[in-house]
């Protein structure tokens, strides 16, 4: 990672496992090689949409990073021009995001936007709306998944509460923000509701993009 990272107001970060360890909930629907290809393909797609969203904002308003300890993910991220943050393999998503938040706060960023790397079809317009949402140091913005997970989170830095990813994390994050004295804002952006975790999610993705697995598997 370059020592001369240009600091901007907000950092959008994508936490990522190594593709070989991703999408285990799809083990009954996909072979390991196909699960890896799916994880890489969704990550590349999320990067592209996020870069389009950042291009809609004023110049210098946001940077994009990945937090991971995977050499595969780091290579893809660097090829795309992303900042790479090593999470030192903390074992949980919450700790990986905490590592990214600590890094961003130390670099002088004022806010952190956390996005999963497996969104099915994120809209650049929705992403730009989220990235530009006013915080004023008093708000936390949460975008719900269909299962009440947290599919996007925008928080001020340093973040005054602990991240709580897991089942129904939207409720946990909302409560944690309130206890920390922030006003939680639930922002239901349609294109950020669905990530690809289940066989049903996969079927919907392939109905929209039949070449999703073939295209990435050919790389």
C-alpha atoms as a PDB file:
ATOM      1  CA  UNK A   1       0.000   0.000   0.000  1.00  0.00           C
ATOM      2  CA  UNK A   2       1.347   3.378  -0.924  1.00  0.00           C
ATOM      3  CA  UNK A   3       2.468   5.566   1.974  1.00  0.00           C
ATOM      4  CA  UNK A   4       1.223   8.649   0.122  1.00  0.00           C
ATOM      5  CA  UNK A   5      -2.512   8.055   0.209  1.00  0.00           C
ATOM      6  CA  UNK A   6      -4.452  11.208  -0.579  1.00  0.00           C
ATOM      7  CA  UNK A   7      -6.940  11.680   2.232  1.00  0.00           C
ATOM      8  CA  UNK A   8     -10.471  12.711   1.334  1.00  0.00           C
ATOM      9  CA  UNK A   9     -13.538  13.200   3.453  1.00  0.00           C
ATOM     10  CA  UNK A  10     -15.041   9.714   3.208  1.00  0.00           C
ATOM     11  CA  UNK A  11     -13.686   6.207   2.723  1.00  0.00           C
ATOM     12  CA  UNK A  12     -15.848   3.503   1.159  1.00  0.00           C
ATOM     13  CA  UNK A  13     -14.529   0.105   2.220  1.00  0.00           C
ATOM     14  CA  UNK A  14     -15.367  -3.416   1.071  1.00  0.00           C
ATOM     15  CA  UNK A  15     -14.447  -6.197   3.540  1.00  0.00           C
ATOM     16  CA  UNK A  16     -13.546  -9.411   1.694  1.00  0.00           C
ATOM     17  CA  UNK A  17     -12.588 -12.968   2.573  1.00  0.00           C
ATOM     18  CA  UNK A  18     -10.308 -14.949   0.307  1.00  0.00           C
ATOM     19  CA  UNK A  19     -12.541 -16.284  -2.514  1.00  0.00           C
ATOM     20  CA  UNK A  20     -11.595 -19.852  -1.598  1.00  0.00           C
ATOM     21  CA  UNK A  21     -13.324 -19.369   1.773  1.00  0.00           C
ATOM     22  CA  UNK A  22     -16.299 -17.371   0.526  1.00  0.00           C
ATOM     23  CA  UNK A  23     -19.896 -18.361  -0.193  1.00  0.00           C
ATOM     24  CA  UNK A  24     -19.887 -21.505   1.972  1.00  0.00           C
ATOM     25  CA  UNK A  25     -23.683 -21.268   2.298  1.00  0.00           C
ATOM     26  CA  UNK A  26     -23.836 -22.088  -1.410  1.00  0.00           C
ATOM     27  CA  UNK A  27     -21.867 -25.332  -1.051  1.00  0.00           C
ATOM     28  CA  UNK A  28     -24.954 -27.403  -1.910  1.00  0.00           C
ATOM     29  CA  UNK A  29     -25.573 -25.391  -5.085  1.00  0.00           C
ATOM     30  CA  UNK A  30     -22.073 -24.716  -6.421  1.00  0.00           C
ATOM     31  CA  UNK A  31     -18.747 -26.515  -6.637  1.00  0.00           C
ATOM     32  CA  UNK A  32     -15.822 -24.835  -4.822  1.00  0.00           C
ATOM     33  CA  UNK A  33     -14.354 -23.495  -8.075  1.00  0.00           C
ATOM     34  CA  UNK A  34     -17.689 -21.916  -9.000  1.00  0.00           C
ATOM     35  CA  UNK A  35     -18.081 -20.375  -5.532  1.00  0.00           C
ATOM     36  CA  UNK A  36     -14.659 -18.765  -5.906  1.00  0.00           C
ATOM     37  CA  UNK A  37     -15.582 -17.450  -9.349  1.00  0.00           C
ATOM     38  CA  UNK A  38     -18.841 -16.052  -7.980  1.00  0.00           C
ATOM     39  CA  UNK A  39     -17.076 -14.246  -5.124  1.00  0.00           C
ATOM     40  CA  UNK A  40     -14.520 -12.703  -7.476  1.00  0.00           C
ATOM     41  CA  UNK A  41     -17.154 -11.692 -10.004  1.00  0.00           C
ATOM     42  CA  UNK A  42     -19.413 -10.021  -7.448  1.00  0.00           C
ATOM     43  CA  UNK A  43     -16.423  -8.185  -5.992  1.00  0.00           C
ATOM     44  CA  UNK A  44     -15.354  -6.874  -9.400  1.00  0.00           C
ATOM     45  CA  UNK A  45     -18.921  -5.781 -10.137  1.00  0.00           C
ATOM     46  CA  UNK A  46     -19.214  -3.972  -6.799  1.00  0.00           C
ATOM     47  CA  UNK A  47     -15.924  -2.161  -7.453  1.00  0.00           C
ATOM     48  CA  UNK A  48     -17.111  -1.005 -10.870  1.00  0.00           C
ATOM     49  CA  UNK A  49     -20.451   0.283  -9.586  1.00  0.00           C
ATOM     50  CA  UNK A  50     -18.769   1.986  -6.629  1.00  0.00           C
ATOM     51  CA  UNK A  51     -16.249   3.718  -8.887  1.00  0.00           C
ATOM     52  CA  UNK A  52     -19.131   4.961 -11.054  1.00  0.00           C
ATOM     53  CA  UNK A  53     -20.820   6.302  -7.917  1.00  0.00           C
ATOM     54  CA  UNK A  54     -17.697   8.103  -6.704  1.00  0.00           C
ATOM     55  CA  UNK A  55     -17.344   9.703 -10.147  1.00  0.00           C
ATOM     56  CA  UNK A  56     -20.767  11.316  -9.585  1.00  0.00           C
ATOM     57  CA  UNK A  57     -19.546  13.082  -6.435  1.00  0.00           C
ATOM     58  CA  UNK A  58     -17.417  16.222  -6.200  1.00  0.00           C
ATOM     59  CA  UNK A  59     -13.770  15.486  -6.920  1.00  0.00           C
ATOM     60  CA  UNK A  60     -11.963  14.174  -3.849  1.00  0.00           C
ATOM     61  CA  UNK A  61     -15.148  13.506  -1.886  1.00  0.00           C
ATOM     62  CA  UNK A  62     -14.456   9.785  -1.384  1.00  0.00           C
ATOM     63  CA  UNK A  63     -11.822   7.094  -1.769  1.00  0.00           C
ATOM     64  CA  UNK A  64     -12.388   3.349  -2.140  1.00  0.00           C
ATOM     65  CA  UNK A  65     -10.592   0.615  -0.196  1.00  0.00           C
ATOM     66  CA  UNK A  66     -10.755  -3.096   0.453  1.00  0.00           C
ATOM     67  CA  UNK A  67      -9.972  -4.654   3.833  1.00  0.00           C
ATOM     68  CA  UNK A  68      -8.739  -8.217   3.506  1.00  0.00           C
ATOM     69  CA  UNK A  69      -5.757 -10.490   4.045  1.00  0.00           C
ATOM     70  CA  UNK A  70      -6.275 -12.311   0.747  1.00  0.00           C
ATOM     71  CA  UNK A  71      -3.535 -11.968  -1.893  1.00  0.00           C
ATOM     72  CA  UNK A  72      -6.142 -12.702  -4.588  1.00  0.00           C
ATOM     73  CA  UNK A  73      -8.405  -9.891  -3.405  1.00  0.00           C
ATOM     74  CA  UNK A  74      -5.456  -7.529  -2.949  1.00  0.00           C
ATOM     75  CA  UNK A  75      -4.342  -8.152  -6.537  1.00  0.00           C
ATOM     76  CA  UNK A  76      -7.820  -7.434  -7.940  1.00  0.00           C
ATOM     77  CA  UNK A  77      -8.126  -4.330  -5.764  1.00  0.00           C
ATOM     78  CA  UNK A  78      -4.739  -2.904  -6.772  1.00  0.00           C
ATOM     79  CA  UNK A  79      -5.478  -3.526 -10.448  1.00  0.00           C
ATOM     80  CA  UNK A  80      -8.641  -1.459  -9.973  1.00  0.00           C
ATOM     81  CA  UNK A  81      -6.765   1.325  -8.174  1.00  0.00           C
ATOM     82  CA  UNK A  82      -8.204   0.672  -4.716  1.00  0.00           C
ATOM     83  CA  UNK A  83      -6.496   1.214  -1.374  1.00  0.00           C
ATOM     84  CA  UNK A  84      -5.636  -2.102   0.317  1.00  0.00           C
ATOM     85  CA  UNK A  85      -5.950  -2.440   4.106  1.00  0.00           C
ATOM     86  CA  UNK A  86      -4.663  -5.643   5.722  1.00  0.00           C
ATOM     87  CA  UNK A  87      -7.163  -6.941   8.293  1.00  0.00           C
ATOM     88  CA  UNK A  88      -4.599  -9.392   9.755  1.00  0.00           C
ATOM     89  CA  UNK A  89      -7.217 -12.161   9.444  1.00  0.00           C
ATOM     90  CA  UNK A  90      -9.308 -11.241  12.510  1.00  0.00           C
ATOM     91  CA  UNK A  91     -11.792 -14.067  11.982  1.00  0.00           C
ATOM     92  CA  UNK A  92     -14.979 -11.999  11.993  1.00  0.00           C
ATOM     93  CA  UNK A  93     -16.503  -9.385   9.730  1.00  0.00           C
ATOM     94  CA  UNK A  94     -16.982  -6.973  12.639  1.00  0.00           C
ATOM     95  CA  UNK A  95     -13.297  -7.058  13.537  1.00  0.00           C
ATOM     96  CA  UNK A  96     -12.279  -6.617   9.893  1.00  0.00           C
ATOM     97  CA  UNK A  97     -14.476  -3.509   9.639  1.00  0.00           C
ATOM     98  CA  UNK A  98     -13.052  -2.260  12.938  1.00  0.00           C
ATOM     99  CA  UNK A  99      -9.550  -2.575  11.461  1.00  0.00           C
ATOM    100  CA  UNK A 100     -10.650  -0.525   8.458  1.00  0.00           C
ATOM    101  CA  UNK A 101     -12.289   2.104  10.698  1.00  0.00           C
ATOM    102  CA  UNK A 102      -9.144   2.439  12.812  1.00  0.00           C
ATOM    103  CA  UNK A 103      -6.996   2.790   9.690  1.00  0.00           C
ATOM    104  CA  UNK A 104      -9.323   5.378   8.147  1.00  0.00           C
ATOM    105  CA  UNK A 105      -9.560   7.436  11.339  1.00  0.00           C
ATOM    106  CA  UNK A 106      -5.757   7.440  11.656  1.00  0.00           C
ATOM    107  CA  UNK A 107      -5.511   8.719   8.058  1.00  0.00           C
ATOM    108  CA  UNK A 108      -7.875  11.593   8.802  1.00  0.00           C
ATOM    109  CA  UNK A 109     -11.042  10.412   7.063  1.00  0.00           C
ATOM    110  CA  UNK A 110     -14.194  11.866   8.580  1.00  0.00           C
ATOM    111  CA  UNK A 111     -16.579   9.019   7.724  1.00  0.00           C
ATOM    112  CA  UNK A 112     -16.545   5.351   6.768  1.00  0.00           C
ATOM    113  CA  UNK A 113     -18.984   3.678   4.373  1.00  0.00           C
ATOM    114  CA  UNK A 114     -18.999  -0.123   4.629  1.00  0.00           C
ATOM    115  CA  UNK A 115     -20.327  -2.140   1.689  1.00  0.00           C
ATOM    116  CA  UNK A 116     -20.366  -5.908   1.168  1.00  0.00           C
ATOM    117  CA  UNK A 117     -18.568  -7.253  -1.879  1.00  0.00           C
ATOM    118  CA  UNK A 118     -21.422  -9.574  -2.854  1.00  0.00           C
ATOM    119  CA  UNK A 119     -24.287  -7.202  -3.660  1.00  0.00           C
ATOM    120  CA  UNK A 120     -26.386  -8.659  -6.474  1.00  0.00           C
ATOM    121  CA  UNK A 121     -27.050  -5.508  -8.488  1.00  0.00           C
ATOM    122  CA  UNK A 122     -26.005  -2.268  -6.748  1.00  0.00           C
ATOM    123  CA  UNK A 123     -27.060   0.926  -8.505  1.00  0.00           C
ATOM    124  CA  UNK A 124     -24.394   3.638  -8.867  1.00  0.00           C
ATOM    125  CA  UNK A 125     -27.146   6.184  -8.189  1.00  0.00           C
ATOM    126  CA  UNK A 126     -28.040   4.502  -4.890  1.00  0.00           C
ATOM    127  CA  UNK A 127     -24.385   4.197  -3.927  1.00  0.00           C
ATOM    128  CA  UNK A 128     -23.782   7.875  -4.691  1.00  0.00           C
ATOM    129  CA  UNK A 129     -26.834   8.845  -2.628  1.00  0.00           C
ATOM    130  CA  UNK A 130     -25.469   6.878   0.319  1.00  0.00           C
ATOM    131  CA  UNK A 131     -21.934   8.237   0.014  1.00  0.00           C
ATOM    132  CA  UNK A 132     -23.226  11.813  -0.121  1.00  0.00           C
ATOM    133  CA  UNK A 133     -25.657  11.495   2.791  1.00  0.00           C
ATOM    134  CA  UNK A 134     -25.060  14.277   5.353  1.00  0.00           C
ATOM    135  CA  UNK A 135     -23.790  13.016   8.708  1.00  0.00           C
ATOM    136  CA  UNK A 136     -22.806  16.203  10.582  1.00  0.00           C
ATOM    137  CA  UNK A 137     -21.079  13.975  13.122  1.00  0.00           C
ATOM    138  CA  UNK A 138     -24.457  13.146  14.669  1.00  0.00           C
ATOM    139  CA  UNK A 139     -25.925  10.461  12.398  1.00  0.00           C
ATOM    140  CA  UNK A 140     -25.279   6.875  11.342  1.00  0.00           C
ATOM    141  CA  UNK A 141     -26.904   5.629   8.138  1.00  0.00           C
ATOM    142  CA  UNK A 142     -27.992   2.005   7.774  1.00  0.00           C
ATOM    143  CA  UNK A 143     -29.219   0.329   4.580  1.00  0.00           C
ATOM    144  CA  UNK A 144     -31.209  -2.834   5.332  1.00  0.00           C
ATOM    145  CA  UNK A 145     -30.881  -6.187   3.622  1.00  0.00           C
ATOM    146  CA  UNK A 146     -34.021  -8.203   2.970  1.00  0.00           C
ATOM    147  CA  UNK A 147     -33.221 -10.338   6.060  1.00  0.00           C
ATOM    148  CA  UNK A 148     -32.559  -7.297   8.317  1.00  0.00           C
ATOM    149  CA  UNK A 149     -28.830  -7.574   7.864  1.00  0.00           C
ATOM    150  CA  UNK A 150     -26.785  -4.418   7.304  1.00  0.00           C
ATOM    151  CA  UNK A 151     -25.991  -4.193   3.591  1.00  0.00           C
ATOM    152  CA  UNK A 152     -24.448  -0.738   3.899  1.00  0.00           C
ATOM    153  CA  UNK A 153     -23.377   1.392   6.815  1.00  0.00           C
ATOM    154  CA  UNK A 154     -22.175   5.002   6.895  1.00  0.00           C
ATOM    155  CA  UNK A 155     -20.691   6.198  10.187  1.00  0.00           C
ATOM    156  CA  UNK A 156     -18.645   9.149  11.431  1.00  0.00           C
ATOM    157  CA  UNK A 157     -15.038   8.562  12.433  1.00  0.00           C
ATOM    158  CA  UNK A 158     -13.852   7.622  14.886  1.00  0.00           C
ATOM    159  CA  UNK A 159     -16.902   5.383  15.133  1.00  0.00           C
ATOM    160  CA  UNK A 160     -18.321   5.632  18.680  1.00  0.00           C
ATOM    161  CA  UNK A 161     -19.827   2.128  18.757  1.00  0.00           C
ATOM    162  CA  UNK A 162     -18.689  -1.431  18.106  1.00  0.00           C
ATOM    163  CA  UNK A 163     -19.657  -3.075  14.820  1.00  0.00           C
ATOM    164  CA  UNK A 164     -22.122  -5.934  15.250  1.00  0.00           C
ATOM    165  CA  UNK A 165     -22.410  -7.845  11.984  1.00  0.00           C
ATOM    166  CA  UNK A 166     -24.374 -11.074  12.035  1.00  0.00           C
ATOM    167  CA  UNK A 167     -28.012 -12.149  12.097  1.00  0.00           C
ATOM    168  CA  UNK A 168     -30.360  -9.114  12.101  1.00  0.00           C
ATOM    169  CA  UNK A 169     -27.386  -6.796  12.454  1.00  0.00           C
ATOM    170  CA  UNK A 170     -29.473  -3.816  11.334  1.00  0.00           C
ATOM    171  CA  UNK A 171     -31.292  -3.931  14.677  1.00  0.00           C
ATOM    172  CA  UNK A 172     -28.025  -4.325  16.600  1.00  0.00           C
ATOM    173  CA  UNK A 173     -26.346  -1.460  14.748  1.00  0.00           C
ATOM    174  CA  UNK A 174     -29.357   0.794  15.230  1.00  0.00           C
ATOM    175  CA  UNK A 175     -29.388   0.178  18.969  1.00  0.00           C
ATOM    176  CA  UNK A 176     -25.624   0.605  19.253  1.00  0.00           C
ATOM    177  CA  UNK A 177     -25.781   3.934  17.409  1.00  0.00           C
ATOM    178  CA  UNK A 178     -28.557   5.186  19.685  1.00  0.00           C
ATOM    179  CA  UNK A 179     -26.666   4.182  22.835  1.00  0.00           C
ATOM    180  CA  UNK A 180     -23.593   5.997  21.488  1.00  0.00           C
ATOM    181  CA  UNK A 181     -25.635   9.189  21.117  1.00  0.00           C
ATOM    182  CA  UNK A 182     -26.035   9.121  17.346  1.00  0.00           C
ATOM    183  CA  UNK A 183     -29.287   9.434  15.407  1.00  0.00           C
ATOM    184  CA  UNK A 184     -29.628   6.241  13.320  1.00  0.00           C
ATOM    185  CA  UNK A 185     -31.123   6.793   9.873  1.00  0.00           C
ATOM    186  CA  UNK A 186     -32.532   3.726   8.079  1.00  0.00           C
ATOM    187  CA  UNK A 187     -32.129   4.351   4.346  1.00  0.00           C
ATOM    188  CA  UNK A 188     -33.920   1.602   2.367  1.00  0.00           C
ATOM    189  CA  UNK A 189     -32.170   1.731  -1.001  1.00  0.00           C
ATOM    190  CA  UNK A 190     -33.709  -0.973  -3.194  1.00  0.00           C
ATOM    191  CA  UNK A 191     -30.581  -1.987  -5.104  1.00  0.00           C
ATOM    192  CA  UNK A 192     -28.645  -2.549  -1.858  1.00  0.00           C
ATOM    193  CA  UNK A 193     -31.198  -4.900  -0.308  1.00  0.00           C
ATOM    194  CA  UNK A 194     -29.994  -8.136  -1.927  1.00  0.00           C
ATOM    195  CA  UNK A 195     -26.653  -9.843  -1.512  1.00  0.00           C
ATOM    196  CA  UNK A 196     -25.913 -13.297  -2.910  1.00  0.00           C
ATOM    197  CA  UNK A 197     -25.832 -15.705   0.020  1.00  0.00           C
ATOM    198  CA  UNK A 198     -28.455 -18.345  -0.702  1.00  0.00           C
ATOM    199  CA  UNK A 199     -29.445 -20.604  -3.590  1.00  0.00           C
ATOM    200  CA  UNK A 200     -32.493 -18.383  -4.127  1.00  0.00           C
ATOM    201  CA  UNK A 201     -30.262 -15.302  -4.361  1.00  0.00           C
ATOM    202  CA  UNK A 202     -28.046 -17.130  -6.851  1.00  0.00           C
ATOM    203  CA  UNK A 203     -31.025 -18.117  -9.008  1.00  0.00           C
ATOM    204  CA  UNK A 204     -32.159 -14.485  -9.146  1.00  0.00           C
ATOM    205  CA  UNK A 205     -28.649 -13.338 -10.090  1.00  0.00           C
ATOM    206  CA  UNK A 206     -28.303 -15.902 -12.871  1.00  0.00           C
ATOM    207  CA  UNK A 207     -31.759 -14.994 -14.192  1.00  0.00           C
ATOM    208  CA  UNK A 208     -30.522 -11.405 -14.577  1.00  0.00           C
ATOM    209  CA  UNK A 209     -27.011 -12.313 -15.735  1.00  0.00           C
ATOM    210  CA  UNK A 210     -26.742 -15.905 -17.065  1.00  0.00           C
ATOM    211  CA  UNK A 211     -23.033 -15.444 -17.824  1.00  0.00           C
ATOM    212  CA  UNK A 212     -22.039 -14.343 -14.297  1.00  0.00           C
ATOM    213  CA  UNK A 213     -20.196 -17.561 -13.418  1.00  0.00           C
ATOM    214  CA  UNK A 214     -18.914 -18.331 -16.916  1.00  0.00           C
ATOM    215  CA  UNK A 215     -17.409 -14.871 -17.391  1.00  0.00           C
ATOM    216  CA  UNK A 216     -15.425 -14.851 -14.153  1.00  0.00           C
ATOM    217  CA  UNK A 217     -14.460 -18.520 -14.401  1.00  0.00           C
ATOM    218  CA  UNK A 218     -12.810 -17.829 -17.742  1.00  0.00           C
ATOM    219  CA  UNK A 219     -10.366 -15.304 -16.255  1.00  0.00           C
END
